[in-house]
Amino acid sequence: MGSEKLIALFGTHIDGGLSAIPLSFVVGRDGSLLSVVKGIRSSEEFEKLIQQSLQSRP
């Protein structure tokens, strides 16, 4: 669930701030923000996004 702390932490990484619900983040193993997904997505779409992210990063 969202909180003020979470919004403050990730809100600065998105142009215009947090503007959509739901809003999902793909965070790399090193803690870097790899992707921001606005709106509803299927589990298959998330699986594909995560797999692509894992393959593109060491």
Protein backbone atom coordinates (compact mmCIF):
# COMPACT_ATOMS: atom_id res chain seq x y z
CA MET A 1 0.00 0.00 0.00
CA GLY A 2 1.08 3.56 -0.64
CA SER A 3 2.33 5.77 2.12
CA GLU A 4 3.73 9.29 2.43
CA LYS A 5 7.23 7.82 2.79
CA LEU A 6 6.87 5.71 -0.35
CA ILE A 7 5.50 8.63 -2.35
CA ALA A 8 8.38 10.83 -1.20
CA LEU A 9 10.93 8.14 -2.06
CA PHE A 10 9.73 7.29 -5.57
CA GLY A 11 7.73 10.38 -6.56
CA THR A 12 10.85 12.32 -7.52
CA HIS A 13 11.78 9.69 -10.13
CA ILE A 14 8.67 10.29 -12.22
CA ASP A 15 8.20 13.39 -14.35
CA GLY A 16 5.17 15.20 -12.97
CA GLY A 17 5.12 13.10 -9.79
CA LEU A 18 2.79 10.22 -9.03
CA SER A 19 -0.16 10.67 -11.36
CA ALA A 20 -1.79 7.28 -11.84
CA ILE A 21 -3.27 4.49 -9.77
CA PRO A 22 -2.21 1.75 -9.83
CA LEU A 23 1.44 2.61 -10.34
CA SER A 24 4.04 -0.16 -10.28
CA PHE A 25 7.82 0.00 -10.18
CA VAL A 26 10.40 -2.47 -11.44
CA VAL A 27 13.43 -2.06 -9.20
CA GLY A 28 16.78 -3.60 -10.08
CA ARG A 29 18.91 -5.72 -7.79
CA ASP A 30 21.08 -2.67 -7.16
CA GLY A 31 18.06 -0.61 -6.10
CA SER A 32 17.87 1.44 -9.29
CA LEU A 33 14.49 2.24 -10.80
CA LEU A 34 14.27 0.31 -14.09
CA SER A 35 10.69 0.92 -15.13
CA VAL A 36 7.46 2.63 -14.11
CA VAL A 37 4.18 1.02 -15.17
CA LYS A 38 1.05 3.17 -15.09
CA GLY A 39 -2.33 1.46 -14.98
CA ILE A 40 -3.52 -2.12 -14.84
CA ARG A 41 -1.42 -4.84 -16.47
CA SER A 42 -1.82 -8.60 -16.67
CA SER A 43 0.50 -10.94 -14.83
CA GLU A 44 1.86 -12.03 -18.23
CA GLU A 45 2.81 -8.43 -19.07
CA PHE A 46 4.61 -8.05 -15.73
CA GLU A 47 6.39 -11.37 -16.23
CA LYS A 48 7.65 -10.20 -19.64
CA LEU A 49 8.78 -6.83 -18.26
CA ILE A 50 10.62 -8.44 -15.35
CA GLN A 51 12.32 -11.00 -17.59
CA GLN A 52 13.45 -8.24 -19.98
CA SER A 53 14.79 -6.24 -17.04
CA LEU A 54 16.72 -9.21 -15.68
CA GLN A 55 18.29 -9.89 -19.08
CA SER A 56 19.31 -6.27 -19.68
CA ARG A 57 21.11 -5.80 -16.36
CA PRO A 58 24.19 -7.64 -15.03
